[in-house]
Amino acid sequence: MRVRRGRLPAVAVAAVMGVLQAVVACAGPGTVVDEADGKSASPPGVRFDAEVALADGRRVGLSYAAGRGLLERHRDAGSATWSEPHVVYGTRADPCQSMTAKAFEDTVAVIADWGPYCSDGEPPMESVAAVGTGKDLSRWDTDLTKEFDGWEKVTADGDSRQLLFTRVSTQWLTRLRWSRTEGFAEVEEVPR
């Protein structure tokens, strides 16, 4: 076999990329492993970008879906059957590199971001704060903040009935309050 000059490195790179893709497909980012048995908690063929366990044993998995947005699936405590995917927030924008999900008793809070070149480290153009409640997670409140660097963290403000999403910069403390009775309030910017 004759190899042209400069072509061998391209073949080698393609071979290495194939091996890397196989490794990532087997246990890439977003794969969640149950510590009890060391097996993935995600349903077969599905990779979650974030997954949390609620206080009552239910599990909630969230993922970015290309051209669809933020998807949620959940399962009851002790069950191996996951719900059908539910669109929490719909967008066709490119997802960012990571997602944050936290459980507060029976409430799930999510921070997810989208934007062009966001996966390469550019700031997001769409930052979503989402909160899921209810025994079957039938209620999801979402709040979209555009052209914003994204929420950094979410904490309980007292208990799981009130949550606080925040981002701190050198000049501002930006916060967004959520309550179970009133949903999301307006974004507040407090000078530091």
C-alpha atoms as a PDB file:
ATOM      1  CA  MET A   1       0.000   0.000   0.000  1.00  0.00           C
ATOM      2  CA  ARG A   2       1.340   3.357  -0.945  1.00  0.00           C
ATOM      3  CA  VAL A   3       0.788   6.281   1.419  1.00  0.00           C
ATOM      4  CA  ARG A   4       1.005   9.835   0.168  1.00  0.00           C
ATOM      5  CA  ARG A   5       3.048  12.355   2.074  1.00  0.00           C
ATOM      6  CA  GLY A   6       0.927  14.066   4.735  1.00  0.00           C
ATOM      7  CA  ARG A   7      -1.801  11.468   4.533  1.00  0.00           C
ATOM      8  CA  LEU A   8      -0.472   9.093   7.172  1.00  0.00           C
ATOM      9  CA  PRO A   9      -0.948  11.587  10.019  1.00  0.00           C
ATOM     10  CA  ALA A  10      -4.553  12.147   8.936  1.00  0.00           C
ATOM     11  CA  VAL A  11      -5.200   8.373   8.987  1.00  0.00           C
ATOM     12  CA  ALA A  12      -3.587   8.108  12.422  1.00  0.00           C
ATOM     13  CA  VAL A  13      -5.664  11.009  13.733  1.00  0.00           C
ATOM     14  CA  ALA A  14      -8.852   9.396  12.407  1.00  0.00           C
ATOM     15  CA  ALA A  15      -7.970   6.120  14.138  1.00  0.00           C
ATOM     16  CA  VAL A  16      -7.287   7.865  17.455  1.00  0.00           C
ATOM     17  CA  MET A  17     -10.542   9.845  17.172  1.00  0.00           C
ATOM     18  CA  GLY A  18     -12.464   6.616  16.588  1.00  0.00           C
ATOM     19  CA  VAL A  19     -11.022   5.093  19.750  1.00  0.00           C
ATOM     20  CA  LEU A  20     -11.797   8.249  21.768  1.00  0.00           C
ATOM     21  CA  GLN A  21     -15.398   8.300  20.534  1.00  0.00           C
ATOM     22  CA  ALA A  22     -15.819   4.680  21.602  1.00  0.00           C
ATOM     23  CA  VAL A  23     -14.463   5.471  25.069  1.00  0.00           C
ATOM     24  CA  VAL A  24     -16.740   8.503  25.459  1.00  0.00           C
ATOM     25  CA  ALA A  25     -19.769   6.546  24.244  1.00  0.00           C
ATOM     26  CA  CYS A  26     -19.157   3.890  26.890  1.00  0.00           C
ATOM     27  CA  ALA A  27     -18.832   6.213  29.872  1.00  0.00           C
ATOM     28  CA  GLY A  28     -18.715   9.806  28.772  1.00  0.00           C
ATOM     29  CA  PRO A  29     -19.732  12.990  30.477  1.00  0.00           C
ATOM     30  CA  GLY A  30     -23.253  12.897  31.772  1.00  0.00           C
ATOM     31  CA  THR A  31     -23.211   9.196  32.610  1.00  0.00           C
ATOM     32  CA  VAL A  32     -24.308   8.840  36.213  1.00  0.00           C
ATOM     33  CA  VAL A  33     -23.252   5.799  38.190  1.00  0.00           C
ATOM     34  CA  ASP A  34     -25.139   4.468  41.209  1.00  0.00           C
ATOM     35  CA  GLU A  35     -22.648   4.189  44.054  1.00  0.00           C
ATOM     36  CA  ALA A  36     -24.478   1.194  45.533  1.00  0.00           C
ATOM     37  CA  ASP A  37     -23.900  -1.199  42.650  1.00  0.00           C
ATOM     38  CA  GLY A  38     -21.560   0.738  40.342  1.00  0.00           C
ATOM     39  CA  LYS A  39     -24.019   0.584  37.429  1.00  0.00           C
ATOM     40  CA  SER A  40     -25.334   3.506  35.429  1.00  0.00           C
ATOM     41  CA  ALA A  41     -28.609   4.841  36.788  1.00  0.00           C
ATOM     42  CA  SER A  42     -29.528   6.207  33.356  1.00  0.00           C
ATOM     43  CA  PRO A  43     -31.879   4.186  31.155  1.00  0.00           C
ATOM     44  CA  PRO A  44     -30.156   2.077  28.484  1.00  0.00           C
ATOM     45  CA  GLY A  45     -29.121   4.185  25.502  1.00  0.00           C
ATOM     46  CA  VAL A  46     -29.755   7.486  27.331  1.00  0.00           C
ATOM     47  CA  ARG A  47     -27.043   9.696  28.746  1.00  0.00           C
ATOM     48  CA  PHE A  48     -28.067  12.386  31.211  1.00  0.00           C
ATOM     49  CA  ASP A  49     -26.148  15.652  31.564  1.00  0.00           C
ATOM     50  CA  ALA A  50     -27.321  15.856  35.191  1.00  0.00           C
ATOM     51  CA  GLU A  51     -29.159  13.489  37.515  1.00  0.00           C
ATOM     52  CA  VAL A  52     -30.369  13.868  41.095  1.00  0.00           C
ATOM     53  CA  ALA A  53     -32.046  11.719  43.724  1.00  0.00           C
ATOM     54  CA  LEU A  54     -34.956  13.219  45.657  1.00  0.00           C
ATOM     55  CA  ALA A  55     -35.481  12.686  49.395  1.00  0.00           C
ATOM     56  CA  ASP A  56     -38.246  10.115  48.744  1.00  0.00           C
ATOM     57  CA  GLY A  57     -35.971   7.996  46.498  1.00  0.00           C
ATOM     58  CA  ARG A  58     -37.219   9.203  43.120  1.00  0.00           C
ATOM     59  CA  ARG A  59     -34.556   9.972  40.507  1.00  0.00           C
ATOM     60  CA  VAL A  60     -34.640  12.778  37.948  1.00  0.00           C
ATOM     61  CA  GLY A  61     -32.440  12.846  34.852  1.00  0.00           C
ATOM     62  CA  LEU A  62     -31.951  15.902  32.650  1.00  0.00           C
ATOM     63  CA  SER A  63     -30.300  16.276  29.282  1.00  0.00           C
ATOM     64  CA  TYR A  64     -29.670  18.724  26.493  1.00  0.00           C
ATOM     65  CA  ALA A  65     -31.381  17.530  23.301  1.00  0.00           C
ATOM     66  CA  ALA A  66     -30.108  19.026  20.051  1.00  0.00           C
ATOM     67  CA  GLY A  67     -32.790  21.137  18.402  1.00  0.00           C
ATOM     68  CA  ARG A  68     -35.263  20.478  21.237  1.00  0.00           C
ATOM     69  CA  GLY A  69     -33.927  22.023  24.453  1.00  0.00           C
ATOM     70  CA  LEU A  70     -33.943  20.735  28.018  1.00  0.00           C
ATOM     71  CA  LEU A  71     -35.474  17.270  28.520  1.00  0.00           C
ATOM     72  CA  GLU A  72     -36.482  15.648  31.810  1.00  0.00           C
ATOM     73  CA  ARG A  73     -37.148  12.011  32.697  1.00  0.00           C
ATOM     74  CA  HIS A  74     -37.877  10.579  36.137  1.00  0.00           C
ATOM     75  CA  ARG A  75     -38.531   7.294  37.886  1.00  0.00           C
ATOM     76  CA  ASP A  76     -40.162   6.304  41.148  1.00  0.00           C
ATOM     77  CA  ALA A  77     -38.176   4.981  44.096  1.00  0.00           C
ATOM     78  CA  GLY A  78     -37.269   1.339  43.558  1.00  0.00           C
ATOM     79  CA  SER A  79     -38.496   1.365  39.949  1.00  0.00           C
ATOM     80  CA  ALA A  80     -36.320   0.713  36.921  1.00  0.00           C
ATOM     81  CA  THR A  81     -38.845   2.309  34.544  1.00  0.00           C
ATOM     82  CA  TRP A  82     -38.149   5.877  33.463  1.00  0.00           C
ATOM     83  CA  SER A  83     -40.881   8.273  32.313  1.00  0.00           C
ATOM     84  CA  GLU A  84     -41.090   9.389  28.716  1.00  0.00           C
ATOM     85  CA  PRO A  85     -38.978  12.487  27.949  1.00  0.00           C
ATOM     86  CA  HIS A  86     -40.674  15.766  28.799  1.00  0.00           C
ATOM     87  CA  VAL A  87     -39.504  19.104  27.315  1.00  0.00           C
ATOM     88  CA  VAL A  88     -38.919  21.500  30.218  1.00  0.00           C
ATOM     89  CA  TYR A  89     -37.596  24.333  28.038  1.00  0.00           C
ATOM     90  CA  GLY A  90     -37.635  24.369  24.250  1.00  0.00           C
ATOM     91  CA  THR A  91     -34.908  25.955  22.123  1.00  0.00           C
ATOM     92  CA  ARG A  92     -32.948  25.215  18.970  1.00  0.00           C
ATOM     93  CA  ALA A  93     -29.803  26.975  20.255  1.00  0.00           C
ATOM     94  CA  ASP A  94     -26.546  25.117  20.932  1.00  0.00           C
ATOM     95  CA  PRO A  95     -26.178  23.840  24.522  1.00  0.00           C
ATOM     96  CA  CYS A  96     -23.321  24.898  26.772  1.00  0.00           C
ATOM     97  CA  GLN A  97     -20.832  22.509  28.340  1.00  0.00           C
ATOM     98  CA  SER A  98     -22.523  21.758  31.627  1.00  0.00           C
ATOM     99  CA  MET A  99     -25.765  21.785  33.554  1.00  0.00           C
ATOM    100  CA  THR A 100     -26.479  22.060  37.277  1.00  0.00           C
ATOM    101  CA  ALA A 101     -29.260  20.088  38.970  1.00  0.00           C
ATOM    102  CA  LYS A 102     -29.951  20.032  42.702  1.00  0.00           C
ATOM    103  CA  ALA A 103     -32.582  18.318  44.791  1.00  0.00           C
ATOM    104  CA  PHE A 104     -34.245  20.145  47.687  1.00  0.00           C
ATOM    105  CA  GLU A 105     -36.462  17.544  49.389  1.00  0.00           C
ATOM    106  CA  ASP A 106     -39.160  16.893  46.722  1.00  0.00           C
ATOM    107  CA  THR A 107     -38.161  19.828  44.494  1.00  0.00           C
ATOM    108  CA  VAL A 108     -35.677  19.815  41.599  1.00  0.00           C
ATOM    109  CA  ALA A 109     -33.789  22.969  40.561  1.00  0.00           C
ATOM    110  CA  VAL A 110     -31.898  23.189  37.262  1.00  0.00           C
ATOM    111  CA  ILE A 111     -29.519  25.708  35.703  1.00  0.00           C
ATOM    112  CA  ALA A 112     -28.994  25.253  31.952  1.00  0.00           C
ATOM    113  CA  ASP A 113     -27.464  27.514  29.303  1.00  0.00           C
ATOM    114  CA  TRP A 114     -27.459  27.789  25.490  1.00  0.00           C
ATOM    115  CA  GLY A 115     -25.743  29.933  22.886  1.00  0.00           C
ATOM    116  CA  PRO A 116     -23.602  29.929  19.747  1.00  0.00           C
ATOM    117  CA  TYR A 117     -20.070  28.667  20.499  1.00  0.00           C
ATOM    118  CA  CYS A 118     -21.117  28.181  24.130  1.00  0.00           C
ATOM    119  CA  SER A 119     -19.649  24.665  24.174  1.00  0.00           C
ATOM    120  CA  ASP A 120     -16.321  26.298  23.248  1.00  0.00           C
ATOM    121  CA  GLY A 121     -16.434  28.540  26.318  1.00  0.00           C
ATOM    122  CA  GLU A 122     -18.273  31.603  24.989  1.00  0.00           C
ATOM    123  CA  PRO A 123     -20.892  33.104  27.329  1.00  0.00           C
ATOM    124  CA  PRO A 124     -24.451  31.846  26.914  1.00  0.00           C
ATOM    125  CA  MET A 125     -27.185  33.786  25.160  1.00  0.00           C
ATOM    126  CA  GLU A 126     -29.997  31.932  26.956  1.00  0.00           C
ATOM    127  CA  SER A 127     -29.765  31.073  30.655  1.00  0.00           C
ATOM    128  CA  VAL A 128     -32.631  29.087  32.119  1.00  0.00           C
ATOM    129  CA  ALA A 129     -33.546  28.580  35.752  1.00  0.00           C
ATOM    130  CA  ALA A 130     -36.062  25.738  36.076  1.00  0.00           C
ATOM    131  CA  VAL A 131     -37.842  24.217  39.059  1.00  0.00           C
ATOM    132  CA  GLY A 132     -39.824  20.968  39.023  1.00  0.00           C
ATOM    133  CA  THR A 133     -42.362  19.979  41.671  1.00  0.00           C
ATOM    134  CA  GLY A 134     -45.162  17.497  42.206  1.00  0.00           C
ATOM    135  CA  LYS A 135     -45.271  13.758  42.821  1.00  0.00           C
ATOM    136  CA  ASP A 136     -44.950  13.083  39.087  1.00  0.00           C
ATOM    137  CA  LEU A 137     -42.944  16.267  38.371  1.00  0.00           C
ATOM    138  CA  SER A 138     -45.924  17.544  36.406  1.00  0.00           C
ATOM    139  CA  ARG A 139     -45.211  21.193  37.212  1.00  0.00           C
ATOM    140  CA  TRP A 140     -42.113  22.930  35.855  1.00  0.00           C
ATOM    141  CA  ASP A 141     -41.565  26.656  36.235  1.00  0.00           C
ATOM    142  CA  THR A 142     -38.921  28.194  33.972  1.00  0.00           C
ATOM    143  CA  ASP A 143     -37.361  31.628  33.760  1.00  0.00           C
ATOM    144  CA  LEU A 144     -35.282  32.703  30.758  1.00  0.00           C
ATOM    145  CA  THR A 145     -32.636  35.402  31.097  1.00  0.00           C
ATOM    146  CA  LYS A 146     -31.147  36.466  27.753  1.00  0.00           C
ATOM    147  CA  GLU A 147     -27.607  37.708  27.102  1.00  0.00           C
ATOM    148  CA  PHE A 148     -26.545  36.846  30.636  1.00  0.00           C
ATOM    149  CA  ASP A 149     -23.462  34.932  31.796  1.00  0.00           C
ATOM    150  CA  GLY A 150     -25.614  32.294  33.456  1.00  0.00           C
ATOM    151  CA  TRP A 151     -26.646  31.445  36.990  1.00  0.00           C
ATOM    152  CA  GLU A 152     -23.803  30.120  39.159  1.00  0.00           C
ATOM    153  CA  LYS A 153     -25.713  28.362  41.917  1.00  0.00           C
ATOM    154  CA  VAL A 154     -29.077  27.675  43.459  1.00  0.00           C
ATOM    155  CA  THR A 155     -29.782  27.387  47.178  1.00  0.00           C
ATOM    156  CA  ALA A 156     -32.799  26.884  49.415  1.00  0.00           C
ATOM    157  CA  ASP A 157     -34.010  30.093  51.005  1.00  0.00           C
ATOM    158  CA  GLY A 158     -35.355  28.545  54.191  1.00  0.00           C
ATOM    159  CA  ASP A 159     -36.828  25.310  52.807  1.00  0.00           C
ATOM    160  CA  SER A 160     -37.674  23.677  49.465  1.00  0.00           C
ATOM    161  CA  ARG A 161     -40.670  26.000  49.005  1.00  0.00           C
ATOM    162  CA  GLN A 162     -38.355  28.957  48.280  1.00  0.00           C
ATOM    163  CA  LEU A 163     -35.192  28.835  46.166  1.00  0.00           C
ATOM    164  CA  LEU A 164     -32.623  31.450  45.223  1.00  0.00           C
ATOM    165  CA  PHE A 165     -30.604  31.435  41.970  1.00  0.00           C
ATOM    166  CA  THR A 166     -27.524  33.682  42.090  1.00  0.00           C
ATOM    167  CA  ARG A 167     -24.577  34.995  40.106  1.00  0.00           C
ATOM    168  CA  VAL A 168     -21.834  37.160  41.607  1.00  0.00           C
ATOM    169  CA  SER A 169     -19.657  39.544  39.593  1.00  0.00           C
ATOM    170  CA  THR A 170     -17.192  42.205  40.679  1.00  0.00           C
ATOM    171  CA  GLN A 171     -19.926  44.851  40.575  1.00  0.00           C
ATOM    172  CA  TRP A 172     -23.239  43.042  41.087  1.00  0.00           C
ATOM    173  CA  LEU A 173     -25.002  40.301  42.953  1.00  0.00           C
ATOM    174  CA  THR A 174     -27.671  39.090  40.535  1.00  0.00           C
ATOM    175  CA  ARG A 175     -30.436  36.963  42.019  1.00  0.00           C
ATOM    176  CA  LEU A 176     -33.683  35.353  41.058  1.00  0.00           C
ATOM    177  CA  ARG A 177     -36.168  34.131  43.655  1.00  0.00           C
ATOM    178  CA  TRP A 178     -38.615  31.270  43.180  1.00  0.00           C
ATOM    179  CA  SER A 179     -41.444  30.250  45.502  1.00  0.00           C
ATOM    180  CA  ARG A 180     -43.800  27.320  45.256  1.00  0.00           C
ATOM    181  CA  THR A 181     -46.852  29.591  45.526  1.00  0.00           C
ATOM    182  CA  GLU A 182     -45.787  32.458  43.241  1.00  0.00           C
ATOM    183  CA  GLY A 183     -43.224  30.975  40.862  1.00  0.00           C
ATOM    184  CA  PHE A 184     -40.357  33.188  39.691  1.00  0.00           C
ATOM    185  CA  ALA A 185     -39.992  36.825  40.692  1.00  0.00           C
ATOM    186  CA  GLU A 186     -38.170  39.489  38.671  1.00  0.00           C
ATOM    187  CA  VAL A 187     -34.361  39.339  38.370  1.00  0.00           C
ATOM    188  CA  GLU A 188     -32.716  41.625  40.956  1.00  0.00           C
ATOM    189  CA  GLU A 189     -29.314  43.281  40.594  1.00  0.00           C
ATOM    190  CA  VAL A 190     -27.804  44.444  43.861  1.00  0.00           C
ATOM    191  CA  PRO A 191     -24.627  46.596  43.790  1.00  0.00           C
ATOM    192  CA  ARG A 192     -21.716  45.086  45.692  1.00  0.00           C
END
